[in-house]
Protein backbone atom coordinates (compact mmCIF):
# COMPACT_ATOMS: atom_id res chain seq x y z
CA MET A 1 60.88 18.10 9.71
CA THR A 2 62.44 21.07 7.84
CA GLU A 3 60.59 23.04 5.02
CA ALA A 4 62.48 23.32 1.76
CA PRO A 5 62.53 26.81 1.14
CA GLU A 6 60.95 26.23 -2.33
CA VAL A 7 57.98 24.82 -1.12
CA ALA A 8 55.00 27.34 -2.25
CA LEU A 9 53.33 29.57 0.41
CA PRO A 10 50.11 27.45 0.75
CA PHE A 11 51.71 24.15 1.32
CA ARG A 12 54.07 25.19 4.15
CA ARG A 13 53.58 23.97 7.40
CA ASP A 14 55.25 25.12 10.81
CA PRO A 15 58.64 23.22 11.15
CA SER A 16 57.99 22.66 14.76
CA CYS A 17 54.49 20.76 14.12
CA PRO A 18 53.75 19.75 10.80
CA PHE A 19 50.02 19.57 11.61
CA ASN A 20 50.12 23.13 12.08
CA PRO A 21 49.91 25.74 9.25
CA ALA A 22 53.07 27.80 8.66
CA LYS A 23 53.24 31.03 10.47
CA GLU A 24 53.28 32.95 7.85
CA ILE A 25 49.69 31.76 6.72
CA SER A 26 48.61 32.44 10.45
CA HIS A 27 49.64 35.98 10.18
CA LEU A 28 47.73 36.46 6.80
CA ARG A 29 44.67 34.97 8.40
CA ALA A 30 44.82 37.65 10.96
CA GLU A 31 46.37 40.51 8.91
CA GLU A 32 45.50 39.98 5.08
CA PRO A 33 43.13 37.08 4.83
CA VAL A 34 42.50 37.77 0.91
CA SER A 35 46.11 38.21 -0.42
CA ARG A 36 48.14 37.67 -3.42
CA PHE A 37 50.73 35.14 -4.07
CA THR A 38 52.39 32.90 -7.02
CA LEU A 39 51.33 29.22 -7.77
CA PRO A 40 53.76 26.86 -8.54
CA SER A 41 53.02 27.30 -12.26
CA GLY A 42 54.25 31.03 -11.97
CA HIS A 43 50.48 31.95 -12.19
CA PRO A 44 49.35 34.91 -9.79
CA ALA A 45 46.39 33.61 -7.63
CA TRP A 46 44.48 35.02 -4.38
CA LEU A 47 45.08 33.10 -1.25
CA ILE A 48 41.96 32.89 1.08
CA THR A 49 42.68 31.85 4.53
CA ARG A 50 39.68 32.74 6.82
CA HIS A 51 36.89 30.38 7.59
CA ALA A 52 33.99 32.36 6.58
CA ASP A 53 35.60 33.51 3.49
CA VAL A 54 36.55 29.91 2.62
CA ARG A 55 33.18 28.58 3.36
CA ALA A 56 31.63 31.63 1.39
CA ILE A 57 33.45 31.07 -1.90
CA LEU A 58 33.11 27.26 -1.71
CA GLY A 59 29.09 27.72 -1.79
CA ASP A 60 29.41 30.57 -4.50
CA ASN A 61 28.51 29.54 -8.26
CA ARG A 62 30.64 32.68 -9.19
CA PHE A 63 33.55 30.41 -8.41
CA THR A 64 34.23 27.77 -11.17
CA THR A 65 36.56 24.87 -10.89
CA ALA A 66 39.74 26.43 -12.81
CA VAL A 67 41.04 24.95 -16.28
CA ASN A 68 43.59 22.61 -15.63
CA PRO A 69 43.91 22.80 -11.86
CA ILE A 70 46.63 20.29 -11.71
CA THR A 71 49.04 22.22 -14.01
CA LEU A 72 48.73 25.03 -12.02
CA LEU A 73 50.35 23.16 -8.64
CA ARG A 74 53.09 22.10 -11.15
CA ALA A 75 56.39 24.10 -11.08
CA SER A 76 56.87 26.09 -14.01
CA GLU A 77 60.29 24.72 -15.08
CA GLU A 78 58.76 20.85 -15.26
CA ASP A 79 59.54 19.47 -18.46
CA SER A 80 57.27 21.09 -20.80
CA THR A 81 57.33 18.45 -23.46
CA VAL A 82 55.25 15.80 -21.27
CA GLU A 83 51.81 16.92 -21.89
CA GLU A 84 49.47 16.56 -19.31
CA PRO A 85 45.92 15.18 -20.43
CA PRO A 86 42.81 17.22 -20.26
CA THR A 87 40.38 16.15 -17.63
CA PRO A 88 39.19 13.17 -18.56
CA PRO A 89 35.53 12.00 -18.91
CA GLY A 90 33.73 11.24 -15.66
CA MET A 91 36.32 13.22 -13.26
CA PHE A 92 33.02 15.04 -12.34
CA ALA A 93 35.26 16.66 -9.14
CA ALA A 94 37.38 18.65 -11.47
CA MET A 95 34.04 19.65 -13.52
CA ASN A 96 31.36 22.60 -13.29
CA PRO A 97 27.62 22.03 -13.93
CA PRO A 98 25.68 20.63 -15.42
CA GLU A 99 27.97 17.64 -16.27
CA HIS A 100 29.29 17.88 -12.67
CA THR A 101 25.65 17.56 -11.44
CA ARG A 102 24.88 15.00 -13.70
CA LEU A 103 27.70 12.53 -12.71
CA ARG A 104 27.91 13.09 -9.06
CA ARG A 105 24.24 12.65 -8.87
CA MET A 106 24.48 9.13 -10.21
CA VAL A 107 27.06 8.54 -7.82
CA ALA A 108 25.77 9.74 -4.55
CA GLY A 109 23.63 7.08 -3.45
CA GLU A 110 26.63 4.78 -2.92
CA PHE A 111 27.85 7.04 -0.38
CA GLY A 112 24.44 7.34 1.84
CA VAL A 113 23.84 5.92 5.26
CA LYS A 114 22.24 2.67 4.16
CA ARG A 115 25.11 1.63 1.70
CA MET A 116 27.64 2.63 4.45
CA GLU A 117 25.94 0.86 6.63
CA ARG A 118 25.80 -2.56 4.30
CA LEU A 119 29.81 -1.79 4.03
CA ARG A 120 30.11 -1.60 7.58
CA PRO A 121 30.76 -5.34 8.31
CA LYS A 122 33.42 -5.40 5.55
CA VAL A 123 35.50 -2.66 6.81
CA GLU A 124 35.39 -4.08 10.24
CA ALA A 125 36.77 -7.49 8.37
CA ILE A 126 39.51 -5.62 6.72
CA VAL A 127 40.79 -3.99 9.64
CA ASN A 128 40.65 -6.99 11.92
CA GLN A 129 42.57 -9.03 9.43
CA HIS A 130 45.23 -6.37 9.50
CA LEU A 131 45.51 -5.92 13.46
CA ASP A 132 45.87 -9.76 13.05
CA ALA A 133 48.59 -9.42 10.60
CA MET A 134 50.24 -6.73 12.70
CA ALA A 135 50.49 -8.96 15.72
CA GLN A 136 51.80 -11.84 13.74
CA ALA A 137 54.47 -9.63 12.17
CA GLY A 138 56.26 -9.08 15.84
CA SER A 139 56.30 -6.15 17.68
CA THR A 140 57.35 -3.28 14.99
CA VAL A 141 55.95 -2.32 11.77
CA GLU A 142 55.58 0.55 9.56
CA LEU A 143 52.00 1.74 9.76
CA LEU A 144 51.24 3.15 6.28
CA ASP A 145 52.05 -0.26 4.73
CA ALA A 146 51.02 -2.73 7.38
CA PHE A 147 47.52 -0.98 8.10
CA ALA A 148 46.51 2.18 6.52
CA ARG A 149 47.27 1.85 2.87
CA PRO A 150 45.93 -1.73 2.40
CA ILE A 151 42.63 -1.08 4.78
CA THR A 152 41.60 1.89 2.73
CA ALA A 153 42.65 0.30 -0.66
CA MET A 154 40.78 -2.76 0.15
CA VAL A 155 37.58 -0.91 0.95
CA ILE A 156 37.68 1.22 -1.88
CA CYS A 157 37.81 -2.18 -3.94
CA GLU A 158 34.94 -3.26 -2.10
CA LEU A 159 32.81 -0.50 -2.78
CA LEU A 160 33.60 -0.30 -6.54
CA GLY A 161 33.62 -3.80 -7.15
CA ALA A 162 37.44 -4.22 -7.94
CA PRO A 163 39.37 -7.67 -7.07
CA VAL A 164 40.30 -7.06 -3.57
CA GLU A 165 43.34 -8.89 -4.62
CA ASP A 166 44.08 -5.98 -6.85
CA HIS A 167 44.58 -3.80 -3.60
CA GLU A 168 48.44 -3.45 -4.05
CA ASP A 169 48.28 -1.94 -7.68
CA VAL A 170 45.92 0.29 -6.35
CA GLN A 171 47.79 1.89 -3.74
CA ARG A 172 50.81 2.15 -6.07
CA ARG A 173 48.67 4.26 -8.41
CA ALA A 174 46.64 6.38 -6.07
CA ARG A 175 50.01 7.20 -4.35
CA GLY A 176 51.04 8.65 -7.80
CA ALA A 177 48.02 10.77 -8.26
CA VAL A 178 48.27 12.69 -5.21
CA ASP A 179 51.90 12.80 -4.75
CA GLY A 180 53.26 16.35 -5.65
CA ASP A 181 56.93 15.08 -5.73
CA ILE A 182 56.42 12.79 -8.65
CA ASP A 183 57.65 14.09 -12.23
CA MET A 184 54.94 14.59 -14.92
CA GLU A 185 56.60 11.65 -17.08
CA GLU A 186 56.08 9.16 -14.29
CA GLY A 187 52.39 10.77 -13.14
CA LEU A 188 51.47 10.48 -16.82
CA ALA A 189 52.41 6.62 -17.11
CA LEU A 190 50.26 6.02 -13.66
CA PHE A 191 47.49 7.60 -15.16
CA LEU A 192 47.59 5.70 -18.44
CA GLU A 193 48.00 2.43 -16.36
CA GLY A 194 45.01 3.10 -14.30
CA GLN A 195 42.88 4.17 -17.39
CA LYS A 196 43.72 0.71 -18.68
CA TYR A 197 42.94 -1.12 -15.71
CA MET A 198 39.62 0.54 -15.35
CA ALA A 199 38.69 0.21 -18.74
CA GLU A 200 39.06 -3.71 -18.47
CA LEU A 201 37.26 -3.97 -15.46
CA ILE A 202 34.38 -2.22 -16.84
CA ALA A 203 34.15 -4.24 -19.97
CA LYS A 204 33.90 -7.06 -17.79
CA GLN A 205 31.14 -5.51 -15.33
CA ARG A 206 29.22 -4.42 -18.78
CA ALA A 207 29.16 -8.17 -19.58
CA ASN A 208 28.11 -9.36 -15.69
CA PRO A 209 27.38 -6.23 -13.32
CA GLY A 210 27.90 -6.79 -9.81
CA SER A 211 26.39 -5.76 -6.64
CA ALA A 212 28.96 -2.86 -6.03
CA MET A 213 29.05 0.45 -7.40
CA LEU A 214 30.26 -0.22 -11.11
CA GLY A 215 27.39 -2.68 -11.01
CA MET A 216 24.76 -0.49 -9.89
CA LEU A 217 25.93 2.22 -12.37
CA ILE A 218 25.81 -0.15 -15.32
CA ARG A 219 22.38 -1.65 -14.40
CA GLU A 220 20.65 1.73 -13.44
CA HIS A 221 22.67 4.04 -15.84
CA ALA A 222 24.05 1.94 -18.83
CA ASP A 223 22.37 4.30 -21.44
CA ASN A 224 23.56 7.53 -19.74
CA LEU A 225 27.13 6.77 -18.98
CA THR A 226 29.94 5.91 -21.23
CA ASP A 227 32.75 3.80 -20.70
CA GLU A 228 35.07 6.77 -20.82
CA GLU A 229 32.93 8.19 -18.02
CA LEU A 230 32.77 5.07 -16.10
CA VAL A 231 36.79 4.94 -16.36
CA GLY A 232 36.99 8.43 -15.20
CA ILE A 233 34.33 8.12 -12.06
CA SER A 234 36.06 5.11 -10.89
CA ASN A 235 39.90 6.35 -11.09
CA LEU A 236 38.61 9.64 -9.10
CA LEU A 237 36.98 7.38 -6.35
CA LEU A 238 40.13 4.94 -6.37
CA SER A 239 42.67 7.86 -6.15
CA ALA A 240 40.77 10.25 -3.92
CA GLY A 241 39.16 7.11 -1.63
CA HIS A 242 42.34 5.67 -0.84
CA GLU A 243 45.46 7.62 -0.50
CA ALA A 244 44.01 10.60 1.18
CA THR A 245 42.12 8.36 3.62
CA ALA A 246 45.02 6.49 4.30
CA ASN A 247 47.44 9.58 5.02
CA MET A 248 44.96 10.84 7.03
CA MET A 249 44.43 7.52 8.91
CA ALA A 250 48.20 7.52 10.01
CA MET A 251 48.63 11.16 11.13
CA ALA A 252 45.56 10.68 12.96
CA VAL A 253 47.33 7.96 14.79
CA VAL A 254 50.35 10.00 14.98
CA LEU A 255 48.64 12.87 16.41
CA LEU A 256 47.10 10.47 19.09
CA LEU A 257 50.64 9.19 20.26
CA GLN A 258 51.50 12.52 20.84
CA HIS A 259 48.42 13.03 23.06
CA PRO A 260 48.27 9.84 25.12
CA ASP A 261 45.58 10.96 27.28
CA GLN A 262 43.13 11.61 24.58
CA ALA A 263 44.18 8.13 22.93
CA ALA A 264 43.34 6.53 26.32
CA VAL A 265 39.98 8.32 26.00
CA ILE A 266 39.05 6.84 22.60
CA ARG A 267 40.20 3.45 23.41
CA ASP A 268 38.12 3.10 26.47
CA GLN A 269 35.16 5.10 25.36
CA PRO A 270 33.85 4.30 21.93
CA GLU A 271 31.12 6.67 22.60
CA VAL A 272 33.28 9.81 21.76
CA THR A 273 34.85 8.42 18.67
CA GLU A 274 32.83 10.06 16.13
CA GLN A 275 33.43 13.69 17.67
CA ALA A 276 36.90 12.92 18.14
CA VAL A 277 37.25 11.92 14.39
CA GLU A 278 35.81 15.12 13.59
CA GLU A 279 38.41 17.03 15.58
CA MET A 280 41.01 15.15 14.22
CA LEU A 281 39.95 16.08 10.74
CA ARG A 282 39.72 19.88 11.72
CA TYR A 283 43.00 19.60 13.33
CA VAL A 284 45.23 17.78 10.55
CA SER A 285 43.58 19.08 7.54
CA ILE A 286 45.10 16.94 5.13
CA SER A 287 43.82 18.53 2.29
CA PHE A 288 45.34 21.90 1.63
CA THR A 289 42.69 22.89 -0.96
CA THR A 290 39.71 21.73 -2.82
CA LEU A 291 40.42 22.58 -6.61
CA ILE A 292 41.38 25.61 -7.33
CA ARG A 293 38.86 28.16 -8.50
CA THR A 294 38.49 30.67 -11.19
CA ALA A 295 36.28 33.75 -10.43
CA SER A 296 33.67 34.06 -13.40
CA GLU A 297 32.84 37.84 -12.64
CA ASP A 298 34.15 40.40 -10.55
CA VAL A 299 33.42 39.52 -6.62
CA THR A 300 34.15 41.35 -3.46
CA VAL A 301 35.83 39.12 -0.66
CA SER A 302 36.36 40.68 2.53
CA GLY A 303 36.80 43.96 1.28
CA THR A 304 38.89 42.85 -1.58
CA GLU A 305 37.91 43.05 -5.04
CA ILE A 306 38.68 39.91 -7.07
CA LYS A 307 38.57 40.27 -10.69
CA ALA A 308 36.74 37.75 -13.03
CA GLY A 309 39.63 35.33 -14.65
CA ASP A 310 41.61 35.41 -11.44
CA TYR A 311 42.34 32.11 -9.62
CA VAL A 312 41.46 31.70 -6.09
CA PHE A 313 43.08 29.13 -3.82
CA VAL A 314 41.26 28.10 -0.64
CA HIS A 315 43.21 27.35 2.25
CA LEU A 316 41.57 24.74 4.07
CA PRO A 317 43.92 24.09 6.86
CA SER A 318 44.22 28.02 7.68
CA ALA A 319 39.99 27.87 7.73
CA ASN A 320 40.18 25.10 10.42
CA ARG A 321 42.48 26.80 12.77
CA ASP A 322 40.47 30.43 12.28
CA GLU A 323 40.32 31.57 16.13
CA THR A 324 37.37 33.66 15.05
CA ARG A 325 35.33 30.28 14.33
CA TYR A 326 36.93 27.93 16.95
CA ALA A 327 38.50 29.04 20.70
CA ASN A 328 41.75 27.76 21.06
CA ALA A 329 41.98 26.62 17.48
CA ASP A 330 45.72 25.47 17.58
CA VAL A 331 44.89 23.24 20.62
CA PHE A 332 43.96 19.76 19.74
CA ASP A 333 40.70 18.54 21.82
CA ILE A 334 38.38 15.71 21.26
CA THR A 335 36.04 17.06 23.58
CA ARG A 336 35.68 19.84 21.10
CA ASN A 337 32.53 20.35 18.77
CA PRO A 338 34.29 21.21 15.41
CA GLU A 339 30.95 21.88 13.79
CA GLN A 340 31.21 23.29 10.32
CA HIS A 341 35.04 22.22 9.78
CA LEU A 342 36.19 22.26 6.36
CA ALA A 343 38.29 19.39 5.96
CA PHE A 344 36.17 17.78 3.12
CA GLY A 345 35.33 20.87 1.61
CA HIS A 346 31.94 22.40 1.21
CA GLY A 347 29.39 23.43 -1.27
CA ILE A 348 28.88 21.20 -4.60
CA HIS A 349 32.13 19.73 -4.45
CA HIS A 350 32.06 18.83 -1.08
CA CYS A 351 33.96 15.38 -0.74
CA ILE A 352 31.64 12.67 -1.92
CA GLY A 353 33.63 9.88 -0.19
CA ALA A 354 33.37 11.99 3.43
CA SER A 355 31.23 9.30 4.76
CA LEU A 356 33.30 6.30 3.65
CA ALA A 357 36.24 8.10 5.16
CA ARG A 358 34.85 8.70 8.49
CA MET A 359 33.54 5.25 8.77
CA GLN A 360 37.00 3.93 8.07
CA LEU A 361 38.62 6.24 10.73
CA ARG A 362 35.87 5.45 13.29
CA ILE A 363 36.40 1.84 13.06
CA ALA A 364 40.31 1.76 12.71
CA LEU A 365 41.50 4.03 14.95
CA PRO A 366 39.81 2.59 18.12
CA ALA A 367 40.28 -1.11 17.16
CA LEU A 368 44.15 0.01 16.78
CA LEU A 369 44.24 1.43 19.93
CA ARG A 370 42.46 -1.39 21.90
CA ARG A 371 44.57 -4.13 20.03
CA PHE A 372 47.69 -2.71 21.02
CA PRO A 373 47.53 -0.53 24.27
CA THR A 374 50.92 0.01 24.37
CA LEU A 375 51.36 1.49 20.98
CA ARG A 376 53.82 4.07 20.68
CA LEU A 377 56.45 5.52 17.87
CA ALA A 378 59.21 3.51 17.31
CA VAL A 379 61.21 6.67 16.29
CA PRO A 380 61.33 10.10 17.56
CA PHE A 381 58.56 12.56 16.61
CA GLU A 382 61.12 14.92 15.05
CA GLU A 383 62.44 12.23 12.59
CA LEU A 384 59.18 11.81 10.83
CA SER A 385 59.38 12.86 7.28
CA PHE A 386 56.09 14.62 6.25
CA ARG A 387 55.48 15.88 2.67
CA PRO A 388 54.01 19.23 1.96
CA MET A 389 53.74 19.10 -1.64
CA GLY A 390 50.72 17.44 -3.44
CA ASN A 391 46.85 17.63 -3.58
CA VAL A 392 47.04 16.19 0.07
CA MET A 393 49.67 16.43 2.93
CA GLY A 394 51.58 13.12 3.08
CA ILE A 395 53.85 11.15 5.40
CA ASP A 396 56.35 8.85 4.36
CA ASP A 397 56.56 6.26 7.01
CA VAL A 398 55.41 5.83 10.42
CA PRO A 399 57.28 3.25 12.22
CA VAL A 400 55.35 2.01 15.61
CA THR A 401 56.35 -0.62 18.16
CA TRP A 402 53.99 -1.77 21.55
């Protein structure tokens, strides 16, 4: 679990425990909460590490989505002959108002309470299906491939109206979308493959709209959404709604196995699950940042002037470990009420799929602990391989046994 020296500052984690931000980040939060650093692309940027500042910037319309935010997280020496495509139509997470507002409003209803409750029986069935498969496989499995990834891929397919049998291809493409180690050529190939898949699916839905999200968007907004926008919306939800949740689910299990007393509470007292999941989200903070922002005018943050045109990187894991916001912030404690944590961001770009991610975690984690009460890691914790680069923190393999 050692960190490679070339890992950019915001992506570093504590080598002794990868759930913790690097000690350099904690030092900056205490001593220099608004500091300069260099993005992987070589561009200078501001690193924001305190909860109050991060939350304020995410809610401030003077900080807009940066141009080419993905390119800024790519190393400057990468092959410049491979051109990264511009933000596709429909990818509203990387847009600013008014286009962001128009597209997000059309989709938001599908993540409301009523829609989530209609989806809950499907999620429970999918979880139980994979628990049964784990039990039949023997006493040792790799948790990501046997549990976390197929569950989250099948759920997002159900939500969108994509064939559930396509979930393995969805998993493969989604991993490429968030993996910072993948080269640009391979990433572009996966992106184009995803575009083609969704275009074909949308053509079928145009001809015969189903009852899931794509069908709803076509029935209710057919004249206001192009096929290209539908493709972008769908691929955004597939990539963001699957791989990040799968990695969060796997790392939550690892975290709980390191705290067996708290795992037992979740297993035996389902009424604590909702609050416990919020603490896991705060403590792990799987996303390092929301999109990189650009200051549209001069703004002063904690006494430091940020000039118009400057890039800003808000550090979500650091904000969620801010001692001025959460007492004993580096302690994992499911009895804590971690209100206003920023694991899903804040403001207009607050993760639209947060309710879906929460529901999957609240269903899957206690169900796994109840089915396998002796669940434990099949290798020492120190041998697990965490991947720090990318849009979200990843983990390579989680072998478990019972």
